[in-house]
Amino acid sequence: MHIDYKLRGTTLTAALHGEIDHHTAAIARSEIDMEIDRVKATGLNLDLSDISFCDSSGLGLVMGRLKKMKAGGGSAVVVNPSERVEKVLTLAGIDTLMPIKKEERK
């Protein structure tokens, strides 16, 4: 897995690529948290459009980033999850805790 970052104002977009499982979630968690702190982000967009697999570790990754952002007075949004990943997020009830947005590709 790898992550691409884009900062617009104080909103950080983290575009994740590959699979989120037990092994990759811990690394992604650490990397994203370091980038949030480095740029002092107040908003986080987790772009999951290129995630082909997400298990419970991925759910923990998403929820942990939401908790981190809220603790600092910020917010987090899941952006463009694949159909498969959106189903996992919805079944877990994450859509009731944070927005899941579909954005048009540019």
Protein backbone atom coordinates (compact mmCIF):
# COMPACT_ATOMS: atom_id res chain seq x y z
CA MET A 1 0.00 0.00 0.00
CA HIS A 2 1.07 3.56 -0.54
CA ILE A 3 -0.48 6.93 0.30
CA ASP A 4 -0.47 10.16 -1.68
CA TYR A 5 -1.09 13.43 0.17
CA LYS A 6 -2.50 16.75 -0.98
CA LEU A 7 -2.99 19.78 1.25
CA ARG A 8 -5.59 22.40 0.34
CA GLY A 9 -5.78 25.12 2.98
CA THR A 10 -5.90 23.19 6.25
CA THR A 11 -7.57 20.11 4.77
CA LEU A 12 -5.34 17.13 4.11
CA THR A 13 -6.38 14.52 1.57
CA ALA A 14 -4.80 11.12 2.06
CA ALA A 15 -5.36 8.94 -1.02
CA LEU A 16 -4.75 5.32 -0.09
CA HIS A 17 -3.83 2.77 -2.76
CA GLY A 18 -3.93 -1.03 -2.51
CA GLU A 19 -5.35 -3.11 0.32
CA ILE A 20 -6.03 -2.29 3.96
CA ASP A 21 -5.45 -5.31 6.17
CA HIS A 22 -3.82 -6.03 9.51
CA HIS A 23 -0.31 -5.52 8.13
CA THR A 24 -0.87 -2.34 6.13
CA ALA A 25 -3.29 -0.61 8.53
CA ALA A 26 -0.69 -0.08 11.27
CA ILE A 27 1.77 1.48 8.84
CA ALA A 28 -0.91 3.67 7.23
CA ARG A 29 -2.17 4.77 10.65
CA SER A 30 1.30 5.94 11.66
CA GLU A 31 2.04 7.65 8.35
CA ILE A 32 -1.28 9.50 8.18
CA ASP A 33 -1.04 10.64 11.80
CA MET A 34 2.48 11.99 11.23
CA GLU A 35 1.32 13.90 8.15
CA ILE A 36 -1.73 15.33 9.99
CA ASP A 37 0.57 16.59 12.74
CA ARG A 38 3.23 17.85 10.32
CA VAL A 39 0.83 20.04 8.31
CA LYS A 40 -1.42 20.84 11.29
CA ALA A 41 -4.52 19.72 9.37
CA THR A 42 -7.96 20.60 10.71
CA GLY A 43 -9.75 18.51 8.10
CA LEU A 44 -8.97 15.07 6.73
CA ASN A 45 -10.30 13.49 3.55
CA LEU A 46 -9.61 9.77 3.39
CA ASP A 47 -9.76 8.96 -0.32
CA LEU A 48 -10.49 5.23 -0.57
CA SER A 49 -11.24 5.13 -4.29
CA ASP A 50 -8.22 2.92 -5.01
CA ILE A 51 -8.69 0.46 -2.14
CA SER A 52 -9.44 -3.02 -3.44
CA PHE A 53 -9.77 -4.74 -0.03
CA CYS A 54 -10.70 -3.53 3.44
CA ASP A 55 -11.17 -5.72 6.52
CA SER A 56 -11.83 -4.79 10.16
CA SER A 57 -8.34 -3.29 10.39
CA GLY A 58 -9.40 -0.81 7.73
CA LEU A 59 -12.47 0.09 9.77
CA GLY A 60 -10.19 0.71 12.75
CA LEU A 61 -7.93 2.87 10.58
CA VAL A 62 -10.86 5.04 9.49
CA MET A 63 -12.38 5.33 12.97
CA GLY A 64 -9.04 6.08 14.58
CA ARG A 65 -8.39 8.96 12.18
CA LEU A 66 -11.87 10.34 12.91
CA LYS A 67 -11.17 10.15 16.64
CA LYS A 68 -7.79 11.87 16.19
CA MET A 69 -9.28 14.68 14.12
CA LYS A 70 -12.21 15.24 16.52
CA ALA A 71 -9.84 15.30 19.51
CA GLY A 72 -8.06 18.23 17.88
CA GLY A 73 -11.31 20.02 17.00
CA GLY A 74 -11.20 18.91 13.37
CA SER A 75 -13.23 16.66 11.12
CA ALA A 76 -12.78 13.68 8.81
CA VAL A 77 -14.60 12.48 5.71
CA VAL A 78 -14.36 9.30 3.64
CA VAL A 79 -14.20 10.22 -0.04
CA ASN A 80 -15.00 8.06 -3.08
CA PRO A 81 -14.91 4.59 -1.55
CA SER A 82 -15.23 1.78 -4.06
CA GLU A 83 -18.60 0.05 -4.04
CA ARG A 84 -17.15 -2.89 -2.11
CA VAL A 85 -15.46 -0.69 0.52
CA GLU A 86 -18.56 1.51 0.91
CA LYS A 87 -20.61 -1.61 1.65
CA VAL A 88 -18.17 -2.62 4.42
CA LEU A 89 -18.25 0.91 5.89
CA THR A 90 -22.05 1.04 5.77
CA LEU A 91 -22.51 -2.42 7.29
CA ALA A 92 -20.22 -1.35 10.15
CA GLY A 93 -22.27 1.83 10.66
CA ILE A 94 -19.42 4.21 9.92
CA ASP A 95 -21.72 6.20 7.64
CA THR A 96 -23.68 7.22 10.76
CA LEU A 97 -20.54 8.58 12.44
CA MET A 98 -18.86 10.43 9.59
CA PRO A 99 -19.73 11.58 6.07
CA ILE A 100 -19.04 9.37 3.08
CA LYS A 101 -18.84 11.58 0.00
CA LYS A 102 -18.77 10.72 -3.67
CA GLU A 103 -16.92 13.39 -5.62
CA GLU A 104 -16.67 13.77 -9.36
CA ARG A 105 -13.24 12.84 -10.71
CA LYS A 106 -11.26 15.63 -12.34
